PDB file of all heavy atoms in Angstrom:
ATOM      1  N   LEU A   1      14.430   5.758 -17.298  1.00  0.00           N
ATOM      2  CA  LEU A   1      13.819   6.720 -16.380  1.00  0.00           C
ATOM      3  C   LEU A   1      12.467   7.200 -16.908  1.00  0.00           C
ATOM      4  O   LEU A   1      11.535   7.414 -16.133  1.00  0.00           O
ATOM      5  CB  LEU A   1      14.757   7.907 -16.166  1.00  0.00           C
ATOM      6  CG  LEU A   1      16.075   7.586 -15.447  1.00  0.00           C
ATOM      7  CD1 LEU A   1      16.954   8.832 -15.359  1.00  0.00           C
ATOM      8  CD2 LEU A   1      15.823   7.030 -14.052  1.00  0.00           C
ATOM      9  N   LEU A   2      12.371   7.348 -18.226  1.00  0.00           N
ATOM     10  CA  LEU A   2      11.104   7.762 -18.838  1.00  0.00           C
ATOM     11  C   LEU A   2      10.011   6.729 -18.588  1.00  0.00           C
ATOM     12  O   LEU A   2       8.884   7.069 -18.202  1.00  0.00           O
ATOM     13  CB  LEU A   2      11.300   7.970 -20.347  1.00  0.00           C
ATOM     14  CG  LEU A   2      10.041   8.284 -21.162  1.00  0.00           C
ATOM     15  CD1 LEU A   2       9.484   9.652 -20.785  1.00  0.00           C
ATOM     16  CD2 LEU A   2      10.355   8.240 -22.657  1.00  0.00           C
ATOM     17  N   ALA A   3      10.351   5.447 -18.807  1.00  0.00           N
ATOM     18  CA  ALA A   3       9.372   4.372 -18.590  1.00  0.00           C
ATOM     19  C   ALA A   3       8.932   4.325 -17.131  1.00  0.00           C
ATOM     20  O   ALA A   3       7.742   4.173 -16.829  1.00  0.00           O
ATOM     21  CB  ALA A   3       9.969   3.036 -19.013  1.00  0.00           C
ATOM     22  N   GLY A   4       9.893   4.456 -16.214  1.00  0.00           N
ATOM     23  CA  GLY A   4       9.561   4.429 -14.791  1.00  0.00           C
ATOM     24  C   GLY A   4       8.704   5.602 -14.371  1.00  0.00           C
ATOM     25  O   GLY A   4       7.734   5.451 -13.613  1.00  0.00           O
ATOM     26  N   PHE A   5       9.032   6.781 -14.876  1.00  0.00           N
ATOM     27  CA  PHE A   5       8.270   7.996 -14.558  1.00  0.00           C
ATOM     28  C   PHE A   5       6.840   7.874 -15.055  1.00  0.00           C
ATOM     29  O   PHE A   5       5.885   8.190 -14.338  1.00  0.00           O
ATOM     30  CB  PHE A   5       8.981   9.194 -15.195  1.00  0.00           C
ATOM     31  CG  PHE A   5       8.326  10.522 -14.921  1.00  0.00           C
ATOM     32  CD1 PHE A   5       7.773  10.822 -13.690  1.00  0.00           C
ATOM     33  CD2 PHE A   5       8.275  11.493 -15.912  1.00  0.00           C
ATOM     34  CE1 PHE A   5       7.173  12.058 -13.442  1.00  0.00           C
ATOM     35  CE2 PHE A   5       7.681  12.734 -15.685  1.00  0.00           C
ATOM     36  CZ  PHE A   5       7.135  13.006 -14.444  1.00  0.00           C
ATOM     37  N   SER A   6       6.689   7.390 -16.289  1.00  0.00           N
ATOM     38  CA  SER A   6       5.346   7.236 -16.859  1.00  0.00           C
ATOM     39  C   SER A   6       4.544   6.190 -16.084  1.00  0.00           C
ATOM     40  O   SER A   6       3.364   6.385 -15.790  1.00  0.00           O
ATOM     41  CB  SER A   6       5.459   6.834 -18.334  1.00  0.00           C
ATOM     42  OG  SER A   6       4.185   6.697 -18.916  1.00  0.00           O
ATOM     43  N   ALA A   7       5.204   5.065 -15.733  1.00  0.00           N
ATOM     44  CA  ALA A   7       4.509   4.002 -14.995  1.00  0.00           C
ATOM     45  C   ALA A   7       4.057   4.462 -13.615  1.00  0.00           C
ATOM     46  O   ALA A   7       3.071   3.964 -13.074  1.00  0.00           O
ATOM     47  CB  ALA A   7       5.426   2.786 -14.862  1.00  0.00           C
ATOM     48  N   ALA A   8       4.793   5.424 -13.027  1.00  0.00           N
ATOM     49  CA  ALA A   8       4.454   5.908 -11.682  1.00  0.00           C
ATOM     50  C   ALA A   8       3.180   6.737 -11.662  1.00  0.00           C
ATOM     51  O   ALA A   8       2.541   6.888 -10.621  1.00  0.00           O
ATOM     52  CB  ALA A   8       5.614   6.733 -11.120  1.00  0.00           C
ATOM     53  N   THR A   9       2.816   7.315 -12.809  1.00  0.00           N
ATOM     54  CA  THR A   9       1.602   8.137 -12.880  1.00  0.00           C
ATOM     55  C   THR A   9       0.432   7.280 -13.362  1.00  0.00           C
ATOM     56  O   THR A   9       0.609   6.386 -14.179  1.00  0.00           O
ATOM     57  CB  THR A   9       1.793   9.324 -13.838  1.00  0.00           C
ATOM     58  OG1 THR A   9       2.015   8.836 -15.166  1.00  0.00           O
ATOM     59  CG2 THR A   9       2.962  10.176 -13.423  1.00  0.00           C
ATOM     60  N   GLY A  10      -0.716   7.534 -12.854  1.00  0.00           N
ATOM     61  CA  GLY A  10      -1.914   6.794 -13.271  1.00  0.00           C
ATOM     62  C   GLY A  10      -2.486   5.895 -12.201  1.00  0.00           C
ATOM     63  O   GLY A  10      -3.662   6.043 -11.833  1.00  0.00           O
ATOM     64  N   PRO A  11      -1.702   4.928 -11.648  1.00  0.00           N
ATOM     65  CA  PRO A  11      -2.282   4.024 -10.647  1.00  0.00           C
ATOM     66  C   PRO A  11      -2.864   4.735  -9.427  1.00  0.00           C
ATOM     67  O   PRO A  11      -3.976   4.420  -8.989  1.00  0.00           O
ATOM     68  CB  PRO A  11      -1.096   3.134 -10.262  1.00  0.00           C
ATOM     69  CG  PRO A  11      -0.233   3.123 -11.475  1.00  0.00           C
ATOM     70  CD  PRO A  11      -0.350   4.501 -12.061  1.00  0.00           C
ATOM     71  N   ALA A  12      -2.126   5.693  -8.852  1.00  0.00           N
ATOM     72  CA  ALA A  12      -2.640   6.416  -7.684  1.00  0.00           C
ATOM     73  C   ALA A  12      -3.878   7.224  -8.058  1.00  0.00           C
ATOM     74  O   ALA A  12      -4.831   7.331  -7.279  1.00  0.00           O
ATOM     75  CB  ALA A  12      -1.561   7.340  -7.116  1.00  0.00           C
ATOM     76  N   PHE A  13      -3.877   7.786  -9.257  1.00  0.00           N
ATOM     77  CA  PHE A  13      -5.000   8.571  -9.778  1.00  0.00           C
ATOM     78  C   PHE A  13      -6.257   7.697  -9.856  1.00  0.00           C
ATOM     79  O   PHE A  13      -7.322   8.064  -9.348  1.00  0.00           O
ATOM     80  CB  PHE A  13      -4.614   9.085 -11.171  1.00  0.00           C
ATOM     81  CG  PHE A  13      -5.536  10.120 -11.745  1.00  0.00           C
ATOM     82  CD1 PHE A  13      -5.300  11.475 -11.531  1.00  0.00           C
ATOM     83  CD2 PHE A  13      -6.609   9.763 -12.534  1.00  0.00           C
ATOM     84  CE1 PHE A  13      -6.130  12.442 -12.080  1.00  0.00           C
ATOM     85  CE2 PHE A  13      -7.441  10.717 -13.093  1.00  0.00           C
ATOM     86  CZ  PHE A  13      -7.207  12.065 -12.867  1.00  0.00           C
ATOM     87  N   ALA A  14      -6.108   6.527 -10.485  1.00  0.00           N
ATOM     88  CA  ALA A  14      -7.258   5.626 -10.661  1.00  0.00           C
ATOM     89  C   ALA A  14      -7.742   5.066  -9.332  1.00  0.00           C
ATOM     90  O   ALA A  14      -8.946   5.041  -9.050  1.00  0.00           O
ATOM     91  CB  ALA A  14      -6.873   4.490 -11.603  1.00  0.00           C
ATOM     92  N   ASP A  15      -6.804   4.625  -8.496  1.00  0.00           N
ATOM     93  CA  ASP A  15      -7.194   4.024  -7.218  1.00  0.00           C
ATOM     94  C   ASP A  15      -7.918   5.027  -6.330  1.00  0.00           C
ATOM     95  O   ASP A  15      -8.906   4.687  -5.676  1.00  0.00           O
ATOM     96  CB  ASP A  15      -5.950   3.491  -6.503  1.00  0.00           C
ATOM     97  CG  ASP A  15      -6.291   2.940  -5.132  1.00  0.00           C
ATOM     98  OD1 ASP A  15      -7.002   1.920  -5.060  1.00  0.00           O
ATOM     99  OD2 ASP A  15      -5.856   3.534  -4.129  1.00  0.00           O
ATOM    100  N   MET A  16      -7.431   6.266  -6.312  1.00  0.00           N
ATOM    101  CA  MET A  16      -8.099   7.265  -5.487  1.00  0.00           C
ATOM    102  C   MET A  16      -9.489   7.583  -6.030  1.00  0.00           C
ATOM    103  O   MET A  16     -10.414   7.888  -5.269  1.00  0.00           O
ATOM    104  CB  MET A  16      -7.256   8.536  -5.385  1.00  0.00           C
ATOM    105  CG  MET A  16      -7.796   9.517  -4.353  1.00  0.00           C
ATOM    106  SD  MET A  16      -6.698  10.912  -4.058  1.00  0.00           S
ATOM    107  CE  MET A  16      -5.496  10.163  -3.000  1.00  0.00           C
ATOM    108  N   GLY A  17      -9.653   7.484  -7.351  1.00  0.00           N
ATOM    109  CA  GLY A  17     -10.981   7.662  -7.933  1.00  0.00           C
ATOM    110  C   GLY A  17     -11.956   6.620  -7.405  1.00  0.00           C
ATOM    111  O   GLY A  17     -13.109   6.931  -7.068  1.00  0.00           O
ATOM    112  N   TYR A  18     -11.499   5.367  -7.316  1.00  0.00           N
ATOM    113  CA  TYR A  18     -12.343   4.305  -6.763  1.00  0.00           C
ATOM    114  C   TYR A  18     -12.697   4.601  -5.300  1.00  0.00           C
ATOM    115  O   TYR A  18     -13.857   4.441  -4.879  1.00  0.00           O
ATOM    116  CB  TYR A  18     -11.618   2.953  -6.829  1.00  0.00           C
ATOM    117  CG  TYR A  18     -11.269   2.477  -8.217  1.00  0.00           C
ATOM    118  CD1 TYR A  18     -10.136   1.697  -8.425  1.00  0.00           C
ATOM    119  CD2 TYR A  18     -12.060   2.788  -9.314  1.00  0.00           C
ATOM    120  CE1 TYR A  18      -9.806   1.238  -9.697  1.00  0.00           C
ATOM    121  CE2 TYR A  18     -11.729   2.337 -10.587  1.00  0.00           C
ATOM    122  CZ  TYR A  18     -10.600   1.563 -10.770  1.00  0.00           C
ATOM    123  OH  TYR A  18     -10.265   1.117 -12.013  1.00  0.00           O
ATOM    124  N   ASP A  19     -11.686   5.026  -4.536  1.00  0.00           N
ATOM    125  CA  ASP A  19     -11.922   5.297  -3.114  1.00  0.00           C
ATOM    126  C   ASP A  19     -12.877   6.468  -2.906  1.00  0.00           C
ATOM    127  O   ASP A  19     -13.752   6.431  -2.028  1.00  0.00           O
ATOM    128  CB  ASP A  19     -10.591   5.578  -2.402  1.00  0.00           C
ATOM    129  CG  ASP A  19      -9.690   4.355  -2.348  1.00  0.00           C
ATOM    130  OD1 ASP A  19     -10.216   3.237  -2.443  1.00  0.00           O
ATOM    131  OD2 ASP A  19      -8.461   4.524  -2.238  1.00  0.00           O
ATOM    132  N   PHE A  20     -12.711   7.509  -3.713  1.00  0.00           N
ATOM    133  CA  PHE A  20     -13.610   8.662  -3.605  1.00  0.00           C
ATOM    134  C   PHE A  20     -15.035   8.282  -4.004  1.00  0.00           C
ATOM    135  O   PHE A  20     -16.004   8.814  -3.456  1.00  0.00           O
ATOM    136  CB  PHE A  20     -13.120   9.811  -4.474  1.00  0.00           C
ATOM    137  CG  PHE A  20     -11.951  10.573  -3.896  1.00  0.00           C
ATOM    138  CD1 PHE A  20     -11.268  11.504  -4.661  1.00  0.00           C
ATOM    139  CD2 PHE A  20     -11.541  10.380  -2.592  1.00  0.00           C
ATOM    140  CE1 PHE A  20     -10.201  12.219  -4.139  1.00  0.00           C
ATOM    141  CE2 PHE A  20     -10.475  11.091  -2.051  1.00  0.00           C
ATOM    142  CZ  PHE A  20      -9.798  12.011  -2.829  1.00  0.00           C
ATOM    143  N   LYS A  21     -15.167   7.391  -4.968  1.00  0.00           N
ATOM    144  CA  LYS A  21     -16.505   6.925  -5.365  1.00  0.00           C
ATOM    145  C   LYS A  21     -17.164   6.189  -4.208  1.00  0.00           C
ATOM    146  O   LYS A  21     -18.354   6.384  -3.929  1.00  0.00           O
ATOM    147  CB  LYS A  21     -16.405   6.005  -6.590  1.00  0.00           C
ATOM    148  CG  LYS A  21     -17.737   5.408  -7.044  1.00  0.00           C
ATOM    149  CD  LYS A  21     -18.688   6.464  -7.590  1.00  0.00           C
ATOM    150  CE  LYS A  21     -19.945   5.814  -8.161  1.00  0.00           C
ATOM    151  NZ  LYS A  21     -20.849   6.800  -8.784  1.00  0.00           N
ATOM    152  N   THR A  22     -16.393   5.355  -3.523  1.00  0.00           N
ATOM    153  CA  THR A  22     -16.920   4.662  -2.338  1.00  0.00           C
ATOM    154  C   THR A  22     -17.435   5.676  -1.326  1.00  0.00           C
ATOM    155  O   THR A  22     -18.565   5.571  -0.825  1.00  0.00           O
ATOM    156  CB  THR A  22     -15.824   3.796  -1.686  1.00  0.00           C
ATOM    157  OG1 THR A  22     -15.407   2.790  -2.602  1.00  0.00           O
ATOM    158  CG2 THR A  22     -16.342   3.129  -0.421  1.00  0.00           C
ATOM    159  N   GLY A  23     -16.608   6.660  -1.015  1.00  0.00           N
ATOM    160  CA  GLY A  23     -17.009   7.686  -0.049  1.00  0.00           C
ATOM    161  C   GLY A  23     -18.206   8.484  -0.516  1.00  0.00           C
ATOM    162  O   GLY A  23     -19.093   8.820   0.289  1.00  0.00           O
ATOM    163  N   HIS A  24     -18.258   8.787  -1.804  1.00  0.00           N
ATOM    164  CA  HIS A  24     -19.372   9.558  -2.370  1.00  0.00           C
ATOM    165  C   HIS A  24     -20.704   8.838  -2.144  1.00  0.00           C
ATOM    166  O   HIS A  24     -21.699   9.469  -1.760  1.00  0.00           O
ATOM    167  CB  HIS A  24     -19.122   9.759  -3.866  1.00  0.00           C
ATOM    168  CG  HIS A  24     -20.187  10.527  -4.578  1.00  0.00           C
ATOM    169  ND1 HIS A  24     -20.359  11.880  -4.424  1.00  0.00           N
ATOM    170  CD2 HIS A  24     -21.152  10.127  -5.446  1.00  0.00           C
ATOM    171  CE1 HIS A  24     -21.372  12.285  -5.174  1.00  0.00           C
ATOM    172  NE2 HIS A  24     -21.870  11.237  -5.794  1.00  0.00           N
ATOM    173  N   ILE A  25     -20.717   7.534  -2.355  1.00  0.00           N
ATOM    174  CA  ILE A  25     -21.941   6.752  -2.138  1.00  0.00           C
ATOM    175  C   ILE A  25     -22.290   6.714  -0.646  1.00  0.00           C
ATOM    176  O   ILE A  25     -23.442   6.937  -0.257  1.00  0.00           O
ATOM    177  CB  ILE A  25     -21.770   5.323  -2.690  1.00  0.00           C
ATOM    178  CG1 ILE A  25     -21.659   5.354  -4.222  1.00  0.00           C
ATOM    179  CG2 ILE A  25     -22.949   4.430  -2.267  1.00  0.00           C
ATOM    180  CD1 ILE A  25     -21.288   4.020  -4.846  1.00  0.00           C
ATOM    181  N   LEU A  26     -21.305   6.461   0.190  1.00  0.00           N
ATOM    182  CA  LEU A  26     -21.555   6.352   1.632  1.00  0.00           C
ATOM    183  C   LEU A  26     -22.021   7.673   2.239  1.00  0.00           C
ATOM    184  O   LEU A  26     -22.769   7.686   3.212  1.00  0.00           O
ATOM    185  CB  LEU A  26     -20.285   5.893   2.349  1.00  0.00           C
ATOM    186  CG  LEU A  26     -19.758   4.495   1.987  1.00  0.00           C
ATOM    187  CD1 LEU A  26     -18.473   4.197   2.741  1.00  0.00           C
ATOM    188  CD2 LEU A  26     -20.810   3.422   2.276  1.00  0.00           C
ATOM    189  N   ARG A  27     -21.595   8.774   1.646  1.00  0.00           N
ATOM    190  CA  ARG A  27     -21.966  10.094   2.188  1.00  0.00           C
ATOM    191  C   ARG A  27     -23.268  10.625   1.589  1.00  0.00           C
ATOM    192  O   ARG A  27     -23.618  11.780   1.806  1.00  0.00           O
ATOM    193  CB  ARG A  27     -20.825  11.087   1.946  1.00  0.00           C
ATOM    194  CG  ARG A  27     -19.579  10.790   2.772  1.00  0.00           C
ATOM    195  CD  ARG A  27     -18.523  11.866   2.627  1.00  0.00           C
ATOM    196  NE  ARG A  27     -17.891  11.867   1.327  1.00  0.00           N
ATOM    197  CZ  ARG A  27     -16.759  11.215   1.021  1.00  0.00           C
ATOM    198  NH1 ARG A  27     -16.139  10.508   1.951  1.00  0.00           N
ATOM    199  NH2 ARG A  27     -16.251  11.284  -0.190  1.00  0.00           N
ATOM    200  N   GLY A  28     -23.975   9.786   0.845  1.00  0.00           N
ATOM    201  CA  GLY A  28     -25.283  10.199   0.333  1.00  0.00           C
ATOM    202  C   GLY A  28     -25.261  10.766  -1.067  1.00  0.00           C
ATOM    203  O   GLY A  28     -26.164  11.498  -1.468  1.00  0.00           O
ATOM    204  N   GLU A  29     -24.205  10.455  -1.830  1.00  0.00           N
ATOM    205  CA  GLU A  29     -24.100  10.860  -3.241  1.00  0.00           C
ATOM    206  C   GLU A  29     -24.194  12.365  -3.444  1.00  0.00           C
ATOM    207  O   GLU A  29     -24.828  12.843  -4.397  1.00  0.00           O
ATOM    208  CB  GLU A  29     -25.132  10.118  -4.087  1.00  0.00           C
ATOM    209  CG  GLU A  29     -24.949   8.612  -4.003  1.00  0.00           C
ATOM    210  CD  GLU A  29     -25.800   7.838  -4.984  1.00  0.00           C
ATOM    211  OE1 GLU A  29     -25.654   8.044  -6.191  1.00  0.00           O
ATOM    212  OE2 GLU A  29     -26.624   7.031  -4.525  1.00  0.00           O
ATOM    213  N   GLY A  30     -23.572  13.098  -2.553  1.00  0.00           N
ATOM    214  CA  GLY A  30     -23.446  14.542  -2.754  1.00  0.00           C
ATOM    215  C   GLY A  30     -24.650  15.374  -2.381  1.00  0.00           C
ATOM    216  O   GLY A  30     -24.682  16.578  -2.657  1.00  0.00           O
ATOM    217  N   LYS A  31     -25.650  14.796  -1.727  1.00  0.00           N
ATOM    218  CA  LYS A  31     -26.847  15.567  -1.363  1.00  0.00           C
ATOM    219  C   LYS A  31     -26.512  16.641  -0.328  1.00  0.00           C
ATOM    220  O   LYS A  31     -27.108  17.706  -0.319  1.00  0.00           O
ATOM    221  CB  LYS A  31     -27.938  14.626  -0.855  1.00  0.00           C
ATOM    222  CG  LYS A  31     -28.530  13.762  -1.968  1.00  0.00           C
ATOM    223  CD  LYS A  31     -29.594  12.827  -1.436  1.00  0.00           C
ATOM    224  CE  LYS A  31     -30.260  12.067  -2.577  1.00  0.00           C
ATOM    225  NZ  LYS A  31     -29.321  11.165  -3.285  1.00  0.00           N
ATOM    226  N   ASP A  32     -25.574  16.344   0.560  1.00  0.00           N
ATOM    227  CA  ASP A  32     -25.062  17.330   1.513  1.00  0.00           C
ATOM    228  C   ASP A  32     -23.645  17.681   1.051  1.00  0.00           C
ATOM    229  O   ASP A  32     -22.680  16.989   1.371  1.00  0.00           O
ATOM    230  CB  ASP A  32     -25.052  16.737   2.922  1.00  0.00           C
ATOM    231  CG  ASP A  32     -24.601  17.742   3.982  1.00  0.00           C
ATOM    232  OD1 ASP A  32     -23.940  18.737   3.618  1.00  0.00           O
ATOM    233  OD2 ASP A  32     -24.896  17.519   5.169  1.00  0.00           O
ATOM    234  N   LYS A  33     -23.533  18.773   0.296  1.00  0.00           N
ATOM    235  CA  LYS A  33     -22.245  19.092  -0.337  1.00  0.00           C
ATOM    236  C   LYS A  33     -21.142  19.361   0.685  1.00  0.00           C
ATOM    237  O   LYS A  33     -19.991  18.961   0.490  1.00  0.00           O
ATOM    238  CB  LYS A  33     -22.400  20.295  -1.280  1.00  0.00           C
ATOM    239  CG  LYS A  33     -23.067  19.938  -2.597  1.00  0.00           C
ATOM    240  CD  LYS A  33     -22.890  21.053  -3.623  1.00  0.00           C
ATOM    241  CE  LYS A  33     -23.463  20.623  -4.970  1.00  0.00           C
ATOM    242  NZ  LYS A  33     -23.232  21.617  -6.031  1.00  0.00           N
ATOM    243  N   ALA A  34     -21.487  20.023   1.765  1.00  0.00           N
ATOM    244  CA  ALA A  34     -20.475  20.330   2.785  1.00  0.00           C
ATOM    245  C   ALA A  34     -19.926  19.047   3.398  1.00  0.00           C
ATOM    246  O   ALA A  34     -18.712  18.900   3.605  1.00  0.00           O
ATOM    247  CB  ALA A  34     -21.078  21.220   3.868  1.00  0.00           C
ATOM    248  N   PHE A  35     -20.812  18.097   3.689  1.00  0.00           N
ATOM    249  CA  PHE A  35     -20.401  16.816   4.261  1.00  0.00           C
ATOM    250  C   PHE A  35     -19.568  16.033   3.252  1.00  0.00           C
ATOM    251  O   PHE A  35     -18.556  15.408   3.610  1.00  0.00           O
ATOM    252  CB  PHE A  35     -21.640  16.014   4.671  1.00  0.00           C
ATOM    253  CG  PHE A  35     -21.343  14.808   5.514  1.00  0.00           C
ATOM    254  CD1 PHE A  35     -20.950  14.934   6.835  1.00  0.00           C
ATOM    255  CD2 PHE A  35     -21.455  13.529   4.982  1.00  0.00           C
ATOM    256  CE1 PHE A  35     -20.677  13.822   7.618  1.00  0.00           C
ATOM    257  CE2 PHE A  35     -21.191  12.410   5.754  1.00  0.00           C
ATOM    258  CZ  PHE A  35     -20.798  12.553   7.078  1.00  0.00           C
ATOM    259  N   GLU A  36     -19.980  16.071   1.986  1.00  0.00           N
ATOM    260  CA  GLU A  36     -19.250  15.384   0.917  1.00  0.00           C
ATOM    261  C   GLU A  36     -17.828  15.930   0.789  1.00  0.00           C
ATOM    262  O   GLU A  36     -16.857  15.171   0.720  1.00  0.00           O
ATOM    263  CB  GLU A  36     -20.005  15.529  -0.404  1.00  0.00           C
ATOM    264  CG  GLU A  36     -19.228  15.136  -1.649  1.00  0.00           C
ATOM    265  CD  GLU A  36     -18.842  13.673  -1.677  1.00  0.00           C
ATOM    266  OE1 GLU A  36     -19.491  12.857  -0.991  1.00  0.00           O
ATOM    267  OE2 GLU A  36     -17.874  13.335  -2.396  1.00  0.00           O
ATOM    268  N   ILE A  37     -17.702  17.241   0.760  1.00  0.00           N
ATOM    269  CA  ILE A  37     -16.383  17.866   0.602  1.00  0.00           C
ATOM    270  C   ILE A  37     -15.492  17.577   1.810  1.00  0.00           C
ATOM    271  O   ILE A  37     -14.302  17.265   1.671  1.00  0.00           O
ATOM    272  CB  ILE A  37     -16.538  19.382   0.376  1.00  0.00           C
ATOM    273  CG1 ILE A  37     -17.190  19.634  -0.995  1.00  0.00           C
ATOM    274  CG2 ILE A  37     -15.198  20.090   0.459  1.00  0.00           C
ATOM    275  CD1 ILE A  37     -17.637  21.068  -1.206  1.00  0.00           C
TER     276      ILE A  37
END
């Protein structure tokens, strides 16, 4: 259970980081903070 619990954390964190980076670039790299948020 410990191995499974540990394996479950991290992938979603990293993948969402990639997705947010994509959105950050498409939205103008944070120049319009309200739009970015």
